[in-house]
Amino acid sequence: RGSVGSTFRGPAQTQLVNSPTTGLAFTPAA
């Protein structure tokens, strides 16, 4: 069996607005 094709994924609505989402991450340098 085998297949070949193309796929597509549009960005989420929240990824298209210039509004931040804040997250926290451990930063080794700090």
mmCIF file of all heavy atoms, coordinates in Angstrom:
data_MODEL
# 
_entry.id   MODEL 
# 
loop_
_atom_site.group_PDB 
_atom_site.id 
_atom_site.type_symbol 
_atom_site.label_atom_id 
_atom_site.label_alt_id 
_atom_site.label_comp_id 
_atom_site.label_asym_id 
_atom_site.label_entity_id 
_atom_site.label_seq_id 
_atom_site.pdbx_PDB_ins_code 
_atom_site.Cartn_x 
_atom_site.Cartn_y 
_atom_site.Cartn_z 
_atom_site.occupancy 
_atom_site.B_iso_or_equiv 
_atom_site.pdbx_formal_charge 
_atom_site.auth_seq_id 
_atom_site.auth_comp_id 
_atom_site.auth_asym_id 
_atom_site.auth_atom_id 
_atom_site.pdbx_PDB_model_num 
ATOM 1   N N   . ARG A 1 1  ? 0.836   -1.188 0.000  1.00 0.00 ? 1  ARG A N   1 
ATOM 2   C CA  . ARG A 1 1  ? 0.000   0.000  0.000  1.00 0.00 ? 1  ARG A CA  1 
ATOM 3   C C   . ARG A 1 1  ? 0.880   1.249  0.000  1.00 0.00 ? 1  ARG A C   1 
ATOM 4   O O   . ARG A 1 1  ? 2.029   1.226  0.445  1.00 0.00 ? 1  ARG A O   1 
ATOM 5   C CB  . ARG A 1 1  ? -0.909  0.021  1.234  1.00 0.00 ? 1  ARG A CB  1 
ATOM 6   C CG  . ARG A 1 1  ? -0.172  0.058  2.558  1.00 0.00 ? 1  ARG A CG  1 
ATOM 7   C CD  . ARG A 1 1  ? -1.139  -0.085 3.722  1.00 0.00 ? 1  ARG A CD  1 
ATOM 8   N NE  . ARG A 1 1  ? -0.433  -0.164 5.006  1.00 0.00 ? 1  ARG A NE  1 
ATOM 9   C CZ  . ARG A 1 1  ? -1.003  -0.476 6.162  1.00 0.00 ? 1  ARG A CZ  1 
ATOM 10  N NH1 . ARG A 1 1  ? -2.294  -0.778 6.188  1.00 0.00 ? 1  ARG A NH1 1 
ATOM 11  N NH2 . ARG A 1 1  ? -0.311  -0.515 7.279  1.00 0.00 ? 1  ARG A NH2 1 
ATOM 12  N N   . GLY A 1 2  ? 0.327   2.327  -0.503 1.00 0.00 ? 2  GLY A N   1 
ATOM 13  C CA  . GLY A 1 2  ? 1.078   3.577  -0.526 1.00 0.00 ? 2  GLY A CA  1 
ATOM 14  C C   . GLY A 1 2  ? 0.151   4.741  -0.825 1.00 0.00 ? 2  GLY A C   1 
ATOM 15  O O   . GLY A 1 2  ? -0.953  4.570  -1.365 1.00 0.00 ? 2  GLY A O   1 
ATOM 16  N N   . SER A 1 3  ? 0.579   5.922  -0.463 1.00 0.00 ? 3  SER A N   1 
ATOM 17  C CA  . SER A 1 3  ? -0.209  7.120  -0.735 1.00 0.00 ? 3  SER A CA  1 
ATOM 18  C C   . SER A 1 3  ? 0.707   8.325  -0.818 1.00 0.00 ? 3  SER A C   1 
ATOM 19  O O   . SER A 1 3  ? 1.810   8.337  -0.243 1.00 0.00 ? 3  SER A O   1 
ATOM 20  C CB  . SER A 1 3  ? -1.272  7.346  0.348  1.00 0.00 ? 3  SER A CB  1 
ATOM 21  O OG  . SER A 1 3  ? -0.669  7.682  1.578  1.00 0.00 ? 3  SER A OG  1 
ATOM 22  N N   . VAL A 1 4  ? 0.249   9.350  -1.530 1.00 0.00 ? 4  VAL A N   1 
ATOM 23  C CA  . VAL A 1 4  ? 0.954   10.622 -1.617 1.00 0.00 ? 4  VAL A CA  1 
ATOM 24  C C   . VAL A 1 4  ? -0.106  11.717 -1.717 1.00 0.00 ? 4  VAL A C   1 
ATOM 25  O O   . VAL A 1 4  ? -1.154  11.529 -2.349 1.00 0.00 ? 4  VAL A O   1 
ATOM 26  C CB  . VAL A 1 4  ? 1.919   10.653 -2.825 1.00 0.00 ? 4  VAL A CB  1 
ATOM 27  C CG1 . VAL A 1 4  ? 1.165   10.476 -4.140 1.00 0.00 ? 4  VAL A CG1 1 
ATOM 28  C CG2 . VAL A 1 4  ? 2.733   11.935 -2.837 1.00 0.00 ? 4  VAL A CG2 1 
ATOM 29  N N   . GLY A 1 5  ? 0.140   12.820 -1.075 1.00 0.00 ? 5  GLY A N   1 
ATOM 30  C CA  . GLY A 1 5  ? -0.835  13.902 -1.114 1.00 0.00 ? 5  GLY A CA  1 
ATOM 31  C C   . GLY A 1 5  ? -0.280  15.142 -0.451 1.00 0.00 ? 5  GLY A C   1 
ATOM 32  O O   . GLY A 1 5  ? 0.882   15.189 -0.009 1.00 0.00 ? 5  GLY A O   1 
ATOM 33  N N   . SER A 1 6  ? -1.101  16.154 -0.373 1.00 0.00 ? 6  SER A N   1 
ATOM 34  C CA  . SER A 1 6  ? -0.724  17.393 0.297  1.00 0.00 ? 6  SER A CA  1 
ATOM 35  C C   . SER A 1 6  ? -1.757  17.729 1.362  1.00 0.00 ? 6  SER A C   1 
ATOM 36  O O   . SER A 1 6  ? -2.921  17.340 1.262  1.00 0.00 ? 6  SER A O   1 
ATOM 37  C CB  . SER A 1 6  ? -0.610  18.545 -0.706 1.00 0.00 ? 6  SER A CB  1 
ATOM 38  O OG  . SER A 1 6  ? -1.869  18.843 -1.279 1.00 0.00 ? 6  SER A OG  1 
ATOM 39  N N   . THR A 1 7  ? -1.310  18.431 2.400  1.00 0.00 ? 7  THR A N   1 
ATOM 40  C CA  . THR A 1 7  ? -2.185  18.817 3.494  1.00 0.00 ? 7  THR A CA  1 
ATOM 41  C C   . THR A 1 7  ? -2.029  20.303 3.763  1.00 0.00 ? 7  THR A C   1 
ATOM 42  O O   . THR A 1 7  ? -1.069  20.943 3.311  1.00 0.00 ? 7  THR A O   1 
ATOM 43  C CB  . THR A 1 7  ? -1.875  18.034 4.783  1.00 0.00 ? 7  THR A CB  1 
ATOM 44  O OG1 . THR A 1 7  ? -0.530  18.339 5.185  1.00 0.00 ? 7  THR A OG1 1 
ATOM 45  C CG2 . THR A 1 7  ? -1.997  16.546 4.561  1.00 0.00 ? 7  THR A CG2 1 
ATOM 46  N N   . PHE A 1 8  ? -2.952  20.845 4.548  1.00 0.00 ? 8  PHE A N   1 
ATOM 47  C CA  . PHE A 1 8  ? -3.029  22.288 4.767  1.00 0.00 ? 8  PHE A CA  1 
ATOM 48  C C   . PHE A 1 8  ? -3.561  22.524 6.173  1.00 0.00 ? 8  PHE A C   1 
ATOM 49  O O   . PHE A 1 8  ? -4.485  21.840 6.613  1.00 0.00 ? 8  PHE A O   1 
ATOM 50  C CB  . PHE A 1 8  ? -3.976  22.881 3.715  1.00 0.00 ? 8  PHE A CB  1 
ATOM 51  C CG  . PHE A 1 8  ? -4.380  24.314 3.946  1.00 0.00 ? 8  PHE A CG  1 
ATOM 52  C CD1 . PHE A 1 8  ? -3.687  25.343 3.362  1.00 0.00 ? 8  PHE A CD1 1 
ATOM 53  C CD2 . PHE A 1 8  ? -5.492  24.624 4.720  1.00 0.00 ? 8  PHE A CD2 1 
ATOM 54  C CE1 . PHE A 1 8  ? -4.072  26.659 3.540  1.00 0.00 ? 8  PHE A CE1 1 
ATOM 55  C CE2 . PHE A 1 8  ? -5.888  25.932 4.911  1.00 0.00 ? 8  PHE A CE2 1 
ATOM 56  C CZ  . PHE A 1 8  ? -5.175  26.960 4.326  1.00 0.00 ? 8  PHE A CZ  1 
ATOM 57  N N   . ARG A 1 9  ? -2.941  23.468 6.885  1.00 0.00 ? 9  ARG A N   1 
ATOM 58  C CA  . ARG A 1 9  ? -3.439  23.842 8.218  1.00 0.00 ? 9  ARG A CA  1 
ATOM 59  C C   . ARG A 1 9  ? -3.386  25.348 8.346  1.00 0.00 ? 9  ARG A C   1 
ATOM 60  O O   . ARG A 1 9  ? -2.311  25.955 8.294  1.00 0.00 ? 9  ARG A O   1 
ATOM 61  C CB  . ARG A 1 9  ? -2.607  23.192 9.325  1.00 0.00 ? 9  ARG A CB  1 
ATOM 62  C CG  . ARG A 1 9  ? -3.108  23.511 10.734 1.00 0.00 ? 9  ARG A CG  1 
ATOM 63  C CD  . ARG A 1 9  ? -2.469  22.581 11.758 1.00 0.00 ? 9  ARG A CD  1 
ATOM 64  N NE  . ARG A 1 9  ? -1.067  22.888 11.971 1.00 0.00 ? 9  ARG A NE  1 
ATOM 65  C CZ  . ARG A 1 9  ? -0.604  23.584 13.021 1.00 0.00 ? 9  ARG A CZ  1 
ATOM 66  N NH1 . ARG A 1 9  ? -1.439  24.049 13.928 1.00 0.00 ? 9  ARG A NH1 1 
ATOM 67  N NH2 . ARG A 1 9  ? 0.688   23.800 13.161 1.00 0.00 ? 9  ARG A NH2 1 
ATOM 68  N N   . GLY A 1 10 ? -4.547  25.947 8.491  1.00 0.00 ? 10 GLY A N   1 
ATOM 69  C CA  . GLY A 1 10 ? -4.606  27.391 8.671  1.00 0.00 ? 10 GLY A CA  1 
ATOM 70  C C   . GLY A 1 10 ? -4.308  27.773 10.107 1.00 0.00 ? 10 GLY A C   1 
ATOM 71  O O   . GLY A 1 10 ? -4.545  26.999 11.040 1.00 0.00 ? 10 GLY A O   1 
ATOM 72  N N   . PRO A 1 11 ? -3.757  28.967 10.333 1.00 0.00 ? 11 PRO A N   1 
ATOM 73  C CA  . PRO A 1 11 ? -3.484  29.410 11.702 1.00 0.00 ? 11 PRO A CA  1 
ATOM 74  C C   . PRO A 1 11 ? -4.772  29.596 12.493 1.00 0.00 ? 11 PRO A C   1 
ATOM 75  O O   . PRO A 1 11 ? -5.828  29.910 11.933 1.00 0.00 ? 11 PRO A O   1 
ATOM 76  C CB  . PRO A 1 11 ? -2.755  30.746 11.511 1.00 0.00 ? 11 PRO A CB  1 
ATOM 77  C CG  . PRO A 1 11 ? -3.133  31.203 10.140 1.00 0.00 ? 11 PRO A CG  1 
ATOM 78  C CD  . PRO A 1 11 ? -3.358  29.976 9.329  1.00 0.00 ? 11 PRO A CD  1 
ATOM 79  N N   . ALA A 1 12 ? -4.682  29.383 13.791 1.00 0.00 ? 12 ALA A N   1 
ATOM 80  C CA  . ALA A 1 12 ? -5.822  29.637 14.667 1.00 0.00 ? 12 ALA A CA  1 
ATOM 81  C C   . ALA A 1 12 ? -6.126  31.130 14.700 1.00 0.00 ? 12 ALA A C   1 
ATOM 82  O O   . ALA A 1 12 ? -5.255  31.960 14.444 1.00 0.00 ? 12 ALA A O   1 
ATOM 83  C CB  . ALA A 1 12 ? -5.522  29.120 16.074 1.00 0.00 ? 12 ALA A CB  1 
ATOM 84  N N   . GLN A 1 13 ? -7.359  31.460 15.033 1.00 0.00 ? 13 GLN A N   1 
ATOM 85  C CA  . GLN A 1 13 ? -7.735  32.869 15.064 1.00 0.00 ? 13 GLN A CA  1 
ATOM 86  C C   . GLN A 1 13 ? -6.875  33.667 16.046 1.00 0.00 ? 13 GLN A C   1 
ATOM 87  O O   . GLN A 1 13 ? -6.507  34.816 15.777 1.00 0.00 ? 13 GLN A O   1 
ATOM 88  C CB  . GLN A 1 13 ? -9.206  33.013 15.451 1.00 0.00 ? 13 GLN A CB  1 
ATOM 89  C CG  . GLN A 1 13 ? -10.177 32.466 14.415 1.00 0.00 ? 13 GLN A CG  1 
ATOM 90  C CD  . GLN A 1 13 ? -11.610 32.823 14.751 1.00 0.00 ? 13 GLN A CD  1 
ATOM 91  O OE1 . GLN A 1 13 ? -12.079 33.896 14.431 1.00 0.00 ? 13 GLN A OE1 1 
ATOM 92  N NE2 . GLN A 1 13 ? -12.298 31.914 15.402 1.00 0.00 ? 13 GLN A NE2 1 
ATOM 93  N N   . THR A 1 14 ? -6.548  33.076 17.187 1.00 0.00 ? 14 THR A N   1 
ATOM 94  C CA  . THR A 1 14 ? -5.754  33.785 18.181 1.00 0.00 ? 14 THR A CA  1 
ATOM 95  C C   . THR A 1 14 ? -4.323  34.018 17.712 1.00 0.00 ? 14 THR A C   1 
ATOM 96  O O   . THR A 1 14 ? -3.631  34.884 18.254 1.00 0.00 ? 14 THR A O   1 
ATOM 97  C CB  . THR A 1 14 ? -5.732  33.000 19.498 1.00 0.00 ? 14 THR A CB  1 
ATOM 98  O OG1 . THR A 1 14 ? -5.339  31.638 19.230 1.00 0.00 ? 14 THR A OG1 1 
ATOM 99  C CG2 . THR A 1 14 ? -7.112  32.984 20.138 1.00 0.00 ? 14 THR A CG2 1 
ATOM 100 N N   . GLN A 1 15 ? -3.860  33.244 16.715 1.00 0.00 ? 15 GLN A N   1 
ATOM 101 C CA  . GLN A 1 15 ? -2.516  33.457 16.179 1.00 0.00 ? 15 GLN A CA  1 
ATOM 102 C C   . GLN A 1 15 ? -2.463  34.601 15.171 1.00 0.00 ? 15 GLN A C   1 
ATOM 103 O O   . GLN A 1 15 ? -1.375  34.992 14.753 1.00 0.00 ? 15 GLN A O   1 
ATOM 104 C CB  . GLN A 1 15 ? -2.010  32.173 15.514 1.00 0.00 ? 15 GLN A CB  1 
ATOM 105 C CG  . GLN A 1 15 ? -1.793  31.019 16.482 1.00 0.00 ? 15 GLN A CG  1 
ATOM 106 C CD  . GLN A 1 15 ? -1.375  29.748 15.765 1.00 0.00 ? 15 GLN A CD  1 
ATOM 107 O OE1 . GLN A 1 15 ? -1.927  29.381 14.731 1.00 0.00 ? 15 GLN A OE1 1 
ATOM 108 N NE2 . GLN A 1 15 ? -0.386  29.058 16.317 1.00 0.00 ? 15 GLN A NE2 1 
ATOM 109 N N   . LEU A 1 16 ? -3.610  35.124 14.789 1.00 0.00 ? 16 LEU A N   1 
ATOM 110 C CA  . LEU A 1 16 ? -3.661  36.163 13.772 1.00 0.00 ? 16 LEU A CA  1 
ATOM 111 C C   . LEU A 1 16 ? -3.842  37.562 14.350 1.00 0.00 ? 16 LEU A C   1 
ATOM 112 O O   . LEU A 1 16 ? -3.856  38.535 13.603 1.00 0.00 ? 16 LEU A O   1 
ATOM 113 C CB  . LEU A 1 16 ? -4.810  35.874 12.785 1.00 0.00 ? 16 LEU A CB  1 
ATOM 114 C CG  . LEU A 1 16 ? -4.662  34.601 11.949 1.00 0.00 ? 16 LEU A CG  1 
ATOM 115 C CD1 . LEU A 1 16 ? -5.958  34.303 11.210 1.00 0.00 ? 16 LEU A CD1 1 
ATOM 116 C CD2 . LEU A 1 16 ? -3.509  34.748 10.958 1.00 0.00 ? 16 LEU A CD2 1 
ATOM 117 N N   . VAL A 1 17 ? -4.016  37.689 15.663 1.00 0.00 ? 17 VAL A N   1 
ATOM 118 C CA  . VAL A 1 17 ? -4.228  39.000 16.280 1.00 0.00 ? 17 VAL A CA  1 
ATOM 119 C C   . VAL A 1 17 ? -2.968  39.421 17.024 1.00 0.00 ? 17 VAL A C   1 
ATOM 120 O O   . VAL A 1 17 ? -2.268  38.594 17.625 1.00 0.00 ? 17 VAL A O   1 
ATOM 121 C CB  . VAL A 1 17 ? -5.433  38.982 17.241 1.00 0.00 ? 17 VAL A CB  1 
ATOM 122 C CG1 . VAL A 1 17 ? -6.723  38.750 16.467 1.00 0.00 ? 17 VAL A CG1 1 
ATOM 123 C CG2 . VAL A 1 17 ? -5.276  37.916 18.315 1.00 0.00 ? 17 VAL A CG2 1 
ATOM 124 N N   . ASN A 1 18 ? -2.677  40.728 16.966 1.00 0.00 ? 18 ASN A N   1 
ATOM 125 C CA  . ASN A 1 18 ? -1.472  41.260 17.597 1.00 0.00 ? 18 ASN A CA  1 
ATOM 126 C C   . ASN A 1 18 ? -1.733  41.526 19.070 1.00 0.00 ? 18 ASN A C   1 
ATOM 127 O O   . ASN A 1 18 ? -1.674  42.660 19.557 1.00 0.00 ? 18 ASN A O   1 
ATOM 128 C CB  . ASN A 1 18 ? -1.032  42.545 16.882 1.00 0.00 ? 18 ASN A CB  1 
ATOM 129 C CG  . ASN A 1 18 ? 0.322   43.025 17.376 1.00 0.00 ? 18 ASN A CG  1 
ATOM 130 O OD1 . ASN A 1 18 ? 1.156   42.223 17.786 1.00 0.00 ? 18 ASN A OD1 1 
ATOM 131 N ND2 . ASN A 1 18 ? 0.530   44.323 17.364 1.00 0.00 ? 18 ASN A ND2 1 
ATOM 132 N N   . SER A 1 19 ? -2.056  40.468 19.783 1.00 0.00 ? 19 SER A N   1 
ATOM 133 C CA  . SER A 1 19 ? -2.347  40.552 21.212 1.00 0.00 ? 19 SER A CA  1 
ATOM 134 C C   . SER A 1 19 ? -1.581  39.428 21.901 1.00 0.00 ? 19 SER A C   1 
ATOM 135 O O   . SER A 1 19 ? -1.634  38.281 21.450 1.00 0.00 ? 19 SER A O   1 
ATOM 136 C CB  . SER A 1 19 ? -3.854  40.403 21.451 1.00 0.00 ? 19 SER A CB  1 
ATOM 137 O OG  . SER A 1 19 ? -4.151  40.448 22.828 1.00 0.00 ? 19 SER A OG  1 
ATOM 138 N N   . PRO A 1 20 ? -0.837  39.734 22.967 1.00 0.00 ? 20 PRO A N   1 
ATOM 139 C CA  . PRO A 1 20 ? 0.041   38.717 23.542 1.00 0.00 ? 20 PRO A CA  1 
ATOM 140 C C   . PRO A 1 20 ? -0.657  37.743 24.469 1.00 0.00 ? 20 PRO A C   1 
ATOM 141 O O   . PRO A 1 20 ? -1.664  38.063 25.105 1.00 0.00 ? 20 PRO A O   1 
ATOM 142 C CB  . PRO A 1 20 ? 1.065   39.557 24.322 1.00 0.00 ? 20 PRO A CB  1 
ATOM 143 C CG  . PRO A 1 20 ? 0.293   40.766 24.748 1.00 0.00 ? 20 PRO A CG  1 
ATOM 144 C CD  . PRO A 1 20 ? -0.679  41.044 23.627 1.00 0.00 ? 20 PRO A CD  1 
ATOM 145 N N   . THR A 1 21 ? -0.095  36.557 24.513 1.00 0.00 ? 21 THR A N   1 
ATOM 146 C CA  . THR A 1 21 ? -0.407  35.578 25.545 1.00 0.00 ? 21 THR A CA  1 
ATOM 147 C C   . THR A 1 21 ? 0.860   35.359 26.351 1.00 0.00 ? 21 THR A C   1 
ATOM 148 O O   . THR A 1 21 ? 1.921   35.097 25.779 1.00 0.00 ? 21 THR A O   1 
ATOM 149 C CB  . THR A 1 21 ? -0.883  34.250 24.934 1.00 0.00 ? 21 THR A CB  1 
ATOM 150 O OG1 . THR A 1 21 ? -2.069  34.480 24.173 1.00 0.00 ? 21 THR A OG1 1 
ATOM 151 C CG2 . THR A 1 21 ? -1.175  33.234 26.020 1.00 0.00 ? 21 THR A CG2 1 
ATOM 152 N N   . THR A 1 22 ? 0.765   35.498 27.663 1.00 0.00 ? 22 THR A N   1 
ATOM 153 C CA  . THR A 1 22 ? 1.957   35.455 28.509 1.00 0.00 ? 22 THR A CA  1 
ATOM 154 C C   . THR A 1 22 ? 2.164   34.059 29.062 1.00 0.00 ? 22 THR A C   1 
ATOM 155 O O   . THR A 1 22 ? 1.225   33.406 29.511 1.00 0.00 ? 22 THR A O   1 
ATOM 156 C CB  . THR A 1 22 ? 1.829   36.464 29.660 1.00 0.00 ? 22 THR A CB  1 
ATOM 157 O OG1 . THR A 1 22 ? 1.677   37.772 29.120 1.00 0.00 ? 22 THR A OG1 1 
ATOM 158 C CG2 . THR A 1 22 ? 3.066   36.437 30.548 1.00 0.00 ? 22 THR A CG2 1 
ATOM 159 N N   . GLY A 1 23 ? 3.425   33.614 29.016 1.00 0.00 ? 23 GLY A N   1 
ATOM 160 C CA  . GLY A 1 23 ? 3.793   32.329 29.589 1.00 0.00 ? 23 GLY A CA  1 
ATOM 161 C C   . GLY A 1 23 ? 5.084   32.463 30.376 1.00 0.00 ? 23 GLY A C   1 
ATOM 162 O O   . GLY A 1 23 ? 5.829   33.434 30.229 1.00 0.00 ? 23 GLY A O   1 
ATOM 163 N N   . LEU A 1 24 ? 5.328   31.499 31.230 1.00 0.00 ? 24 LEU A N   1 
ATOM 164 C CA  . LEU A 1 24 ? 6.530   31.479 32.054 1.00 0.00 ? 24 LEU A CA  1 
ATOM 165 C C   . LEU A 1 24 ? 7.354   30.256 31.685 1.00 0.00 ? 24 LEU A C   1 
ATOM 166 O O   . LEU A 1 24 ? 6.809   29.192 31.451 1.00 0.00 ? 24 LEU A O   1 
ATOM 167 C CB  . LEU A 1 24 ? 6.165   31.435 33.536 1.00 0.00 ? 24 LEU A CB  1 
ATOM 168 C CG  . LEU A 1 24 ? 5.154   32.488 34.021 1.00 0.00 ? 24 LEU A CG  1 
ATOM 169 C CD1 . LEU A 1 24 ? 4.772   32.224 35.462 1.00 0.00 ? 24 LEU A CD1 1 
ATOM 170 C CD2 . LEU A 1 24 ? 5.717   33.873 33.848 1.00 0.00 ? 24 LEU A CD2 1 
ATOM 171 N N   . ALA A 1 25 ? 8.669   30.431 31.612 1.00 0.00 ? 25 ALA A N   1 
ATOM 172 C CA  . ALA A 1 25 ? 9.540   29.316 31.252 1.00 0.00 ? 25 ALA A CA  1 
ATOM 173 C C   . ALA A 1 25 ? 10.838  29.412 32.034 1.00 0.00 ? 25 ALA A C   1 
ATOM 174 O O   . ALA A 1 25 ? 11.393  30.516 32.224 1.00 0.00 ? 25 ALA A O   1 
ATOM 175 C CB  . ALA A 1 25 ? 9.825   29.313 29.747 1.00 0.00 ? 25 ALA A CB  1 
ATOM 176 N N   . PHE A 1 26 ? 11.329  28.265 32.489 1.00 0.00 ? 26 PHE A N   1 
ATOM 177 C CA  . PHE A 1 26 ? 12.627  28.244 33.160 1.00 0.00 ? 26 PHE A CA  1 
ATOM 178 C C   . PHE A 1 26 ? 13.705  28.618 32.152 1.00 0.00 ? 26 PHE A C   1 
ATOM 179 O O   . PHE A 1 26 ? 13.766  28.077 31.047 1.00 0.00 ? 26 PHE A O   1 
ATOM 180 C CB  . PHE A 1 26 ? 12.919  26.868 33.747 1.00 0.00 ? 26 PHE A CB  1 
ATOM 181 C CG  . PHE A 1 26 ? 14.226  26.814 34.501 1.00 0.00 ? 26 PHE A CG  1 
ATOM 182 C CD1 . PHE A 1 26 ? 14.305  27.297 35.795 1.00 0.00 ? 26 PHE A CD1 1 
ATOM 183 C CD2 . PHE A 1 26 ? 15.365  26.311 33.896 1.00 0.00 ? 26 PHE A CD2 1 
ATOM 184 C CE1 . PHE A 1 26 ? 15.506  27.273 36.491 1.00 0.00 ? 26 PHE A CE1 1 
ATOM 185 C CE2 . PHE A 1 26 ? 16.573  26.282 34.587 1.00 0.00 ? 26 PHE A CE2 1 
ATOM 186 C CZ  . PHE A 1 26 ? 16.647  26.763 35.879 1.00 0.00 ? 26 PHE A CZ  1 
ATOM 187 N N   . THR A 1 27 ? 14.550  29.555 32.531 1.00 0.00 ? 27 THR A N   1 
ATOM 188 C CA  . THR A 1 27 ? 15.562  30.099 31.631 1.00 0.00 ? 27 THR A CA  1 
ATOM 189 C C   . THR A 1 27 ? 16.939  29.836 32.228 1.00 0.00 ? 27 THR A C   1 
ATOM 190 O O   . THR A 1 27 ? 17.326  30.482 33.216 1.00 0.00 ? 27 THR A O   1 
ATOM 191 C CB  . THR A 1 27 ? 15.339  31.610 31.438 1.00 0.00 ? 27 THR A CB  1 
ATOM 192 O OG1 . THR A 1 27 ? 13.983  31.824 30.999 1.00 0.00 ? 27 THR A OG1 1 
ATOM 193 C CG2 . THR A 1 27 ? 16.292  32.182 30.414 1.00 0.00 ? 27 THR A CG2 1 
ATOM 194 N N   . PRO A 1 28 ? 17.690  28.866 31.683 1.00 0.00 ? 28 PRO A N   1 
ATOM 195 C CA  . PRO A 1 28 ? 18.976  28.505 32.291 1.00 0.00 ? 28 PRO A CA  1 
ATOM 196 C C   . PRO A 1 28 ? 19.927  29.680 32.473 1.00 0.00 ? 28 PRO A C   1 
ATOM 197 O O   . PRO A 1 28 ? 20.622  29.771 33.490 1.00 0.00 ? 28 PRO A O   1 
ATOM 198 C CB  . PRO A 1 28 ? 19.542  27.467 31.300 1.00 0.00 ? 28 PRO A CB  1 
ATOM 199 C CG  . PRO A 1 28 ? 18.330  26.879 30.653 1.00 0.00 ? 28 PRO A CG  1 
ATOM 200 C CD  . PRO A 1 28 ? 17.347  28.000 30.540 1.00 0.00 ? 28 PRO A CD  1 
ATOM 201 N N   . ALA A 1 29 ? 19.964  30.606 31.487 1.00 0.00 ? 29 ALA A N   1 
ATOM 202 C CA  . ALA A 1 29 ? 20.897  31.730 31.595 1.00 0.00 ? 29 ALA A CA  1 
ATOM 203 C C   . ALA A 1 29 ? 20.596  32.601 32.804 1.00 0.00 ? 29 ALA A C   1 
ATOM 204 O O   . ALA A 1 29 ? 21.489  33.230 33.373 1.00 0.00 ? 29 ALA A O   1 
ATOM 205 C CB  . ALA A 1 29 ? 20.844  32.573 30.321 1.00 0.00 ? 29 ALA A CB  1 
ATOM 206 N N   . ALA A 1 30 ? 19.312  32.644 33.220 1.00 0.00 ? 30 ALA A N   1 
ATOM 207 C CA  . ALA A 1 30 ? 18.914  33.453 34.367 1.00 0.00 ? 30 ALA A CA  1 
ATOM 208 C C   . ALA A 1 30 ? 18.874  32.647 35.651 1.00 0.00 ? 30 ALA A C   1 
ATOM 209 O O   . ALA A 1 30 ? 18.735  33.221 36.741 1.00 0.00 ? 30 ALA A O   1 
ATOM 210 C CB  . ALA A 1 30 ? 17.550  34.076 34.106 1.00 0.00 ? 30 ALA A CB  1 
# 
